[in-house]
Amino acid sequence: MKKIIIILFIINLIILTTITKNSTKKLENEIFTIKENISLLKNKHSLVLLEYNFLTSPEKLMEYQSKYFKKNLIFLKKNKIKKINIINDELIINN
């Protein structure tokens, strides 16, 4: 009777170990995939940030001004900018 209990216990341990290893392997694969995706997104973010900083630098803005606008542009504060809406062929100016 003791031998049967010991054999069943060992078989149960083997099965539990196998299940645990499989689930751990799946989790490791998911973690690796997520880390790779995060790495790719970080690279993409840094490139987009670099592009944004390059395109909005004062030198580039001055270059665009001279290239695309005939008149000189003037500086305005944010609170001076107004929004124009067209509703039923009427112009409505909002702050």
N, C-alpha and C. Protein backbone atom coordinates (compact mmCIF):
# COMPACT_ATOMS: atom_id res chain seq x y z
N MET A 1 0.82 -1.18 0.00
CA MET A 1 0.00 0.00 0.00
C MET A 1 0.88 1.26 0.00
N LYS A 2 1.97 1.23 0.77
CA LYS A 2 2.87 2.37 0.82
C LYS A 2 3.53 2.62 -0.52
N LYS A 3 3.87 1.55 -1.22
CA LYS A 3 4.52 1.69 -2.52
C LYS A 3 3.58 2.38 -3.51
N ILE A 4 2.32 2.03 -3.48
CA ILE A 4 1.33 2.62 -4.40
C ILE A 4 1.19 4.11 -4.11
N ILE A 5 1.13 4.47 -2.84
CA ILE A 5 1.01 5.88 -2.47
C ILE A 5 2.25 6.66 -2.91
N ILE A 6 3.41 6.09 -2.73
CA ILE A 6 4.66 6.76 -3.14
C ILE A 6 4.71 6.90 -4.66
N ILE A 7 4.33 5.88 -5.37
CA ILE A 7 4.33 5.93 -6.85
C ILE A 7 3.32 6.98 -7.33
N LEU A 8 2.13 7.01 -6.75
CA LEU A 8 1.13 8.01 -7.14
C LEU A 8 1.63 9.43 -6.82
N PHE A 9 2.28 9.57 -5.70
CA PHE A 9 2.82 10.88 -5.32
C PHE A 9 3.89 11.34 -6.32
N ILE A 10 4.76 10.43 -6.71
CA ILE A 10 5.82 10.77 -7.67
C ILE A 10 5.22 11.11 -9.04
N ILE A 11 4.24 10.35 -9.48
CA ILE A 11 3.58 10.61 -10.76
C ILE A 11 2.89 11.98 -10.70
N ASN A 12 2.24 12.26 -9.58
CA ASN A 12 1.57 13.54 -9.41
C ASN A 12 2.58 14.69 -9.46
N LEU A 13 3.72 14.52 -8.83
CA LEU A 13 4.77 15.54 -8.87
C LEU A 13 5.30 15.76 -10.28
N ILE A 14 5.47 14.69 -11.02
CA ILE A 14 5.95 14.78 -12.40
C ILE A 14 4.94 15.56 -13.25
N ILE A 15 3.67 15.25 -13.10
CA ILE A 15 2.63 15.94 -13.88
C ILE A 15 2.57 17.42 -13.50
N LEU A 16 2.62 17.72 -12.22
CA LEU A 16 2.58 19.12 -11.79
C LEU A 16 3.81 19.88 -12.27
N THR A 17 4.95 19.24 -12.25
CA THR A 17 6.16 19.87 -12.73
C THR A 17 6.06 20.18 -14.22
N THR A 18 5.54 19.25 -14.98
CA THR A 18 5.37 19.45 -16.42
C THR A 18 4.41 20.60 -16.71
N ILE A 19 3.32 20.65 -16.00
CA ILE A 19 2.33 21.73 -16.20
C ILE A 19 2.96 23.07 -15.84
N THR A 20 3.68 23.11 -14.75
CA THR A 20 4.33 24.35 -14.32
C THR A 20 5.37 24.81 -15.33
N LYS A 21 6.16 23.91 -15.84
CA LYS A 21 7.18 24.28 -16.83
C LYS A 21 6.55 24.81 -18.11
N ASN A 22 5.47 24.17 -18.54
CA ASN A 22 4.80 24.63 -19.77
C ASN A 22 4.21 26.02 -19.59
N SER A 23 3.57 26.24 -18.47
CA SER A 23 2.96 27.56 -18.26
C SER A 23 4.04 28.63 -18.11
N THR A 24 5.14 28.29 -17.47
CA THR A 24 6.25 29.22 -17.33
C THR A 24 6.86 29.54 -18.69
N LYS A 25 6.99 28.56 -19.53
CA LYS A 25 7.54 28.77 -20.88
C LYS A 25 6.64 29.71 -21.68
N LYS A 26 5.33 29.52 -21.57
CA LYS A 26 4.40 30.41 -22.29
C LYS A 26 4.53 31.84 -21.78
N LEU A 27 4.63 32.00 -20.46
CA LEU A 27 4.78 33.33 -19.90
C LEU A 27 6.08 33.99 -20.34
N GLU A 28 7.15 33.23 -20.36
CA GLU A 28 8.43 33.77 -20.83
C GLU A 28 8.35 34.22 -22.27
N ASN A 29 7.67 33.46 -23.11
CA ASN A 29 7.51 33.85 -24.51
C ASN A 29 6.70 35.14 -24.63
N GLU A 30 5.65 35.26 -23.85
CA GLU A 30 4.84 36.48 -23.88
C GLU A 30 5.64 37.68 -23.40
N ILE A 31 6.40 37.50 -22.35
CA ILE A 31 7.23 38.58 -21.82
C ILE A 31 8.26 39.01 -22.85
N PHE A 32 8.89 38.06 -23.51
CA PHE A 32 9.87 38.38 -24.54
C PHE A 32 9.23 39.17 -25.68
N THR A 33 8.06 38.73 -26.12
CA THR A 33 7.36 39.41 -27.21
C THR A 33 7.01 40.84 -26.80
N ILE A 34 6.51 41.01 -25.60
CA ILE A 34 6.14 42.34 -25.14
C ILE A 34 7.37 43.24 -25.02
N LYS A 35 8.46 42.70 -24.52
CA LYS A 35 9.69 43.49 -24.41
C LYS A 35 10.19 43.92 -25.79
N GLU A 36 10.10 43.02 -26.76
CA GLU A 36 10.51 43.37 -28.13
C GLU A 36 9.62 44.47 -28.70
N ASN A 37 8.32 44.36 -28.46
CA ASN A 37 7.40 45.39 -28.94
C ASN A 37 7.69 46.74 -28.28
N ILE A 38 7.97 46.71 -27.00
CA ILE A 38 8.31 47.94 -26.29
C ILE A 38 9.59 48.55 -26.85
N SER A 39 10.55 47.71 -27.12
CA SER A 39 11.81 48.20 -27.69
C SER A 39 11.58 48.86 -29.05
N LEU A 40 10.78 48.24 -29.88
CA LEU A 40 10.49 48.82 -31.20
C LEU A 40 9.74 50.14 -31.05
N LEU A 41 8.80 50.19 -30.12
CA LEU A 41 8.04 51.42 -29.92
C LEU A 41 8.93 52.54 -29.36
N LYS A 42 9.87 52.19 -28.51
CA LYS A 42 10.79 53.20 -27.99
C LYS A 42 11.65 53.77 -29.11
N ASN A 43 12.12 52.90 -30.00
CA ASN A 43 12.91 53.37 -31.14
C ASN A 43 12.09 54.29 -32.04
N LYS A 44 10.87 53.88 -32.29
CA LYS A 44 9.99 54.68 -33.13
C LYS A 44 9.70 56.03 -32.47
N HIS A 45 9.47 55.99 -31.17
CA HIS A 45 9.21 57.23 -30.44
C HIS A 45 10.40 58.17 -30.51
N SER A 46 11.58 57.65 -30.33
CA SER A 46 12.77 58.51 -30.38
C SER A 46 12.95 59.12 -31.78
N LEU A 47 12.66 58.36 -32.82
CA LEU A 47 12.76 58.90 -34.18
C LEU A 47 11.72 59.99 -34.44
N VAL A 48 10.51 59.74 -33.98
CA VAL A 48 9.46 60.74 -34.16
C VAL A 48 9.78 62.00 -33.37
N LEU A 49 10.28 61.82 -32.16
CA LEU A 49 10.65 62.98 -31.35
C LEU A 49 11.79 63.77 -32.01
N LEU A 50 12.75 63.08 -32.54
CA LEU A 50 13.85 63.74 -33.26
C LEU A 50 13.31 64.52 -34.45
N GLU A 51 12.43 63.90 -35.21
CA GLU A 51 11.85 64.57 -36.37
C GLU A 51 11.06 65.80 -35.94
N TYR A 52 10.28 65.66 -34.89
CA TYR A 52 9.49 66.79 -34.40
C TYR A 52 10.40 67.93 -33.97
N ASN A 53 11.43 67.61 -33.20
CA ASN A 53 12.35 68.65 -32.73
C ASN A 53 13.08 69.31 -33.90
N PHE A 54 13.42 68.53 -34.89
CA PHE A 54 14.10 69.09 -36.05
C PHE A 54 13.18 70.01 -36.83
N LEU A 55 11.95 69.57 -37.04
CA LEU A 55 11.02 70.36 -37.85
C LEU A 55 10.52 71.61 -37.14
N THR A 56 10.54 71.61 -35.82
CA THR A 56 10.03 72.77 -35.11
C THR A 56 11.15 73.64 -34.53
N SER A 57 12.35 73.40 -34.92
CA SER A 57 13.44 74.24 -34.43
C SER A 57 13.28 75.64 -35.03
N PRO A 58 13.73 76.66 -34.33
CA PRO A 58 13.60 78.04 -34.85
C PRO A 58 14.26 78.23 -36.22
N GLU A 59 15.38 77.57 -36.41
CA GLU A 59 16.05 77.71 -37.70
C GLU A 59 15.19 77.16 -38.84
N LYS A 60 14.59 75.99 -38.59
CA LYS A 60 13.75 75.40 -39.64
C LYS A 60 12.50 76.24 -39.87
N LEU A 61 11.94 76.77 -38.80
CA LEU A 61 10.75 77.61 -38.96
C LEU A 61 11.07 78.87 -39.77
N MET A 62 12.23 79.44 -39.52
CA MET A 62 12.62 80.62 -40.30
C MET A 62 12.85 80.24 -41.77
N GLU A 63 13.42 79.09 -41.97
CA GLU A 63 13.63 78.62 -43.34
C GLU A 63 12.29 78.42 -44.05
N TYR A 64 11.34 77.80 -43.36
CA TYR A 64 10.01 77.59 -43.96
C TYR A 64 9.32 78.92 -44.23
N GLN A 65 9.50 79.86 -43.33
CA GLN A 65 8.89 81.17 -43.52
C GLN A 65 9.40 81.82 -44.80
N SER A 66 10.70 81.83 -44.98
CA SER A 66 11.26 82.46 -46.18
C SER A 66 10.92 81.68 -47.44
N LYS A 67 10.73 80.39 -47.29
CA LYS A 67 10.47 79.54 -48.46
C LYS A 67 9.00 79.59 -48.89
N TYR A 68 8.08 79.60 -47.93
CA TYR A 68 6.66 79.43 -48.27
C TYR A 68 5.81 80.68 -48.07
N PHE A 69 6.28 81.67 -47.35
CA PHE A 69 5.48 82.86 -47.10
C PHE A 69 6.17 84.07 -47.69
N LYS A 70 5.39 84.90 -48.38
CA LYS A 70 5.96 86.08 -48.99
C LYS A 70 6.11 87.21 -47.98
N LYS A 71 5.13 87.35 -47.10
CA LYS A 71 5.19 88.39 -46.09
C LYS A 71 5.86 87.85 -44.84
N ASN A 72 6.34 88.76 -44.04
CA ASN A 72 6.94 88.36 -42.77
C ASN A 72 5.85 87.91 -41.79
N LEU A 73 6.18 86.92 -41.04
CA LEU A 73 5.25 86.45 -40.02
C LEU A 73 5.52 87.20 -38.73
N ILE A 74 4.48 87.32 -37.91
CA ILE A 74 4.65 88.01 -36.64
C ILE A 74 4.38 87.05 -35.49
N PHE A 75 4.93 87.39 -34.35
CA PHE A 75 4.77 86.57 -33.16
C PHE A 75 3.46 86.93 -32.47
N LEU A 76 2.67 85.92 -32.08
CA LEU A 76 1.45 86.13 -31.31
C LEU A 76 1.47 85.23 -30.09
N LYS A 77 0.94 85.75 -29.00
CA LYS A 77 0.79 84.92 -27.82
C LYS A 77 -0.43 84.02 -28.00
N LYS A 78 -0.45 82.93 -27.23
CA LYS A 78 -1.55 81.97 -27.37
C LYS A 78 -2.91 82.60 -27.11
N ASN A 79 -2.99 83.46 -26.12
CA ASN A 79 -4.30 84.02 -25.77
C ASN A 79 -4.81 85.03 -26.80
N LYS A 80 -3.97 85.47 -27.71
CA LYS A 80 -4.38 86.40 -28.77
C LYS A 80 -4.94 85.66 -30.00
N ILE A 81 -4.73 84.37 -30.06
CA ILE A 81 -5.19 83.60 -31.22
C ILE A 81 -6.66 83.28 -31.04
N LYS A 82 -7.42 83.51 -32.09
CA LYS A 82 -8.86 83.27 -32.03
C LYS A 82 -9.24 82.22 -33.06
N LYS A 83 -10.35 81.58 -32.78
CA LYS A 83 -10.83 80.51 -33.65
C LYS A 83 -12.03 81.03 -34.45
N ILE A 84 -12.01 80.75 -35.74
CA ILE A 84 -13.10 81.19 -36.61
C ILE A 84 -13.90 79.98 -37.03
N ASN A 85 -15.20 80.04 -36.78
CA ASN A 85 -16.11 78.97 -37.20
C ASN A 85 -17.06 79.52 -38.24
N ILE A 86 -17.41 78.69 -39.19
CA ILE A 86 -18.39 79.08 -40.19
C ILE A 86 -19.63 78.23 -39.96
N ILE A 87 -20.72 78.90 -39.56
CA ILE A 87 -21.98 78.21 -39.31
C ILE A 87 -23.06 78.93 -40.11
N ASN A 88 -23.69 78.19 -40.99
CA ASN A 88 -24.75 78.74 -41.85
C ASN A 88 -24.29 80.01 -42.58
N ASP A 89 -23.13 79.93 -43.19
CA ASP A 89 -22.54 81.03 -43.95
C ASP A 89 -22.27 82.26 -43.11
N GLU A 90 -22.13 82.12 -41.81
CA GLU A 90 -21.78 83.23 -40.93
C GLU A 90 -20.44 82.94 -40.26
N LEU A 91 -19.64 83.95 -40.13
CA LEU A 91 -18.37 83.80 -39.44
C LEU A 91 -18.56 84.09 -37.97
N ILE A 92 -18.18 83.15 -37.14
CA ILE A 92 -18.25 83.32 -35.70
C ILE A 92 -16.84 83.22 -35.14
N ILE A 93 -16.42 84.23 -34.41
CA ILE A 93 -15.06 84.29 -33.87
C ILE A 93 -15.10 83.96 -32.39
N ASN A 94 -14.34 82.94 -32.01
CA ASN A 94 -14.26 82.51 -30.60
C ASN A 94 -12.83 82.65 -30.12
N ASN A 95 -12.67 82.81 -28.82
CA ASN A 95 -11.32 82.87 -28.24
C ASN A 95 -10.74 81.48 -28.14
